[in-house]
Protein backbone atom coordinates (compact mmCIF):
# COMPACT_ATOMS: atom_id res chain seq x y z
CA MET A 1 -0.10 -0.12 0.05
CA ALA A 2 1.22 3.26 -1.06
CA LYS A 3 2.01 6.19 1.71
CA ASN A 4 -0.35 9.07 1.61
CA TYR A 5 1.75 12.37 2.00
CA LYS A 6 0.09 15.23 3.47
CA ILE A 7 1.53 18.38 1.91
CA PHE A 8 1.26 22.16 2.49
CA ILE A 9 2.19 24.29 -0.42
CA SER A 10 3.45 27.93 0.54
CA HIS A 11 2.52 29.90 -2.41
CA SER A 12 1.87 33.70 -3.51
CA TRP A 13 -1.77 34.12 -4.08
CA SER A 14 -1.02 36.53 -7.16
CA HIS A 15 0.67 33.52 -8.74
CA SER A 16 -1.95 30.80 -7.93
CA SER A 17 -1.64 29.14 -11.26
CA ALA A 18 1.87 27.78 -10.01
CA LEU A 19 -0.06 26.40 -7.14
CA THR A 20 -2.53 24.50 -9.63
CA ASP A 21 0.27 23.29 -11.88
CA LEU A 22 2.05 21.78 -8.85
CA ARG A 23 -1.02 20.06 -7.51
CA ASP A 24 -1.65 18.59 -11.03
CA LEU A 25 1.81 17.49 -11.37
CA LEU A 26 1.82 15.61 -8.02
CA ASN A 27 -1.76 14.35 -8.57
CA SER A 28 -0.88 12.86 -12.12
CA ARG A 29 2.25 10.84 -10.69
CA GLY A 30 1.49 7.18 -10.39
CA TYR A 31 1.89 5.25 -7.08
CA PHE A 32 2.17 8.55 -5.20
CA ASN A 33 -0.78 9.71 -2.92
CA VAL A 34 -1.04 13.19 -1.79
CA GLU A 35 -3.58 15.32 0.16
CA PHE A 36 -3.00 19.11 0.03
CA THR A 37 -3.54 21.01 3.24
CA GLU A 38 -2.92 24.54 2.14
CA ALA A 39 -5.52 27.29 1.75
CA SER A 40 -6.00 28.56 -1.71
CA LYS A 41 -8.26 30.96 -3.60
CA ASP A 42 -10.54 27.79 -4.30
CA VAL A 43 -10.73 27.04 -0.71
CA PRO A 44 -9.84 29.91 1.33
CA ILE A 45 -10.11 30.67 5.00
CA ASN A 46 -12.98 33.16 4.98
CA SER A 47 -11.76 35.86 7.49
CA THR A 48 -9.96 39.24 7.57
CA ASN A 49 -8.83 38.48 11.13
CA ALA A 50 -4.97 37.67 10.85
CA ALA A 51 -4.76 36.01 14.25
CA TYR A 52 -7.61 33.47 13.06
CA ILE A 53 -6.00 33.10 9.75
CA LYS A 54 -2.72 32.36 11.23
CA ASP A 55 -4.15 29.81 13.78
CA ARG A 56 -5.85 28.00 10.83
CA LEU A 57 -2.89 28.01 8.74
CA ARG A 58 -0.63 26.89 11.76
CA ALA A 59 -2.92 23.88 12.08
CA LYS A 60 -2.78 22.82 8.36
CA ILE A 61 1.07 23.23 8.44
CA SER A 62 1.17 21.26 11.81
CA SER A 63 -0.74 18.42 10.14
CA SER A 64 1.59 18.24 7.12
CA ASP A 65 4.47 15.81 6.38
CA VAL A 66 6.36 18.33 4.36
CA VAL A 67 5.76 21.93 3.16
CA LEU A 68 6.62 22.58 -0.51
CA ALA A 69 7.37 26.24 -1.00
CA LEU A 70 7.30 27.74 -4.61
CA ALA A 71 10.51 29.47 -4.59
CA GLY A 72 9.87 32.16 -7.58
CA ILE A 73 11.35 35.56 -6.66
CA TYR A 74 7.94 36.85 -5.85
CA ALA A 75 8.09 35.00 -2.50
CA SER A 76 10.56 37.42 -1.47
CA HIS A 77 7.55 39.98 -1.27
CA SER A 78 5.00 37.76 0.53
CA GLU A 79 4.74 38.33 4.13
CA TRP A 80 2.42 35.26 4.44
CA MET A 81 4.76 32.95 2.80
CA ALA A 82 7.65 33.99 5.09
CA TRP A 83 5.35 33.64 8.03
CA GLU A 84 4.21 30.14 6.80
CA LEU A 85 7.86 29.13 6.41
CA ASP A 86 8.79 30.22 9.68
CA THR A 87 6.05 28.55 11.18
CA ALA A 88 6.94 25.24 9.46
CA LYS A 89 10.54 25.56 10.81
CA ALA A 90 9.53 26.22 14.22
CA LEU A 91 7.08 23.23 14.19
CA GLY A 92 9.88 20.86 12.57
CA ILE A 93 8.13 20.35 9.32
CA PRO A 94 10.74 20.17 6.44
CA ILE A 95 10.47 22.46 3.78
CA VAL A 96 11.46 21.78 0.06
CA GLY A 97 11.78 24.63 -2.20
CA ILE A 98 10.45 24.09 -5.65
CA ILE A 99 12.11 26.27 -8.43
CA PRO A 100 9.55 27.35 -11.06
CA ARG A 101 9.94 26.34 -14.56
CA GLY A 102 12.60 28.73 -16.35
CA GLN A 103 13.68 30.53 -12.94
CA GLU A 104 17.36 31.08 -12.47
CA ARG A 105 17.05 33.26 -9.53
CA ILE A 106 15.07 31.81 -6.43
CA SER A 107 13.64 33.55 -3.47
CA GLN A 108 15.89 34.08 -0.47
CA GLU A 109 13.02 33.53 1.72
CA VAL A 110 12.55 30.05 0.57
CA TYR A 111 16.29 29.18 -0.15
CA SER A 112 17.26 30.36 3.51
CA ARG A 113 14.74 28.22 5.01
CA SER A 114 14.61 24.99 2.88
CA VAL A 115 16.45 21.67 3.55
CA ILE A 116 16.64 21.34 -0.28
CA ASP A 117 15.66 23.07 -3.56
CA VAL A 118 14.64 21.24 -6.59
CA ARG A 119 13.69 22.07 -10.03
CA TRP A 120 10.36 22.01 -11.56
CA ASN A 121 10.56 18.10 -12.46
CA THR A 122 8.13 15.44 -11.22
CA GLU A 123 10.71 12.85 -10.05
CA SER A 124 12.96 15.70 -8.43
CA ILE A 125 9.94 16.80 -6.48
CA VAL A 126 8.69 13.33 -5.55
CA ASP A 127 12.11 12.22 -4.36
CA ALA A 128 12.48 15.34 -2.27
CA ILE A 129 9.16 14.61 -0.60
CA ARG A 130 9.70 11.00 -0.11
CA THR A 131 13.34 11.86 1.26
CA HIS A 132 12.56 14.72 3.56
CA SER A 133 9.09 14.21 4.74
CA LYS A 134 8.69 14.02 8.54
CA GLN A 135 7.27 10.49 8.19
């Protein structure tokens, strides 16, 4: 029986197509079961109360085996992504940086917190998840 990985993807809402693409990539990989735990534009946390949102996100991160951080340069300008990554580190959840297709430069916010950074390649991402997942 294949393991089911609980994955939180830290992403910029202004670049949510990368989130969809990464989910699709992992869902299409045979013999690799994933459950996504992050909030998204499709399933948001309906609140404007930052403390409430942080509590909900902390619970989602805490229940995850690994955090994937989309490492586009835009991540350097997202306070929420920095908070999510700092929270994951504080909770002992490993962070894998995912370098978007065609990117040469990556966010220092991600690079400085990740255990490994991998290029946008199905097998590289799956291998990093299997290797660095907390389970």
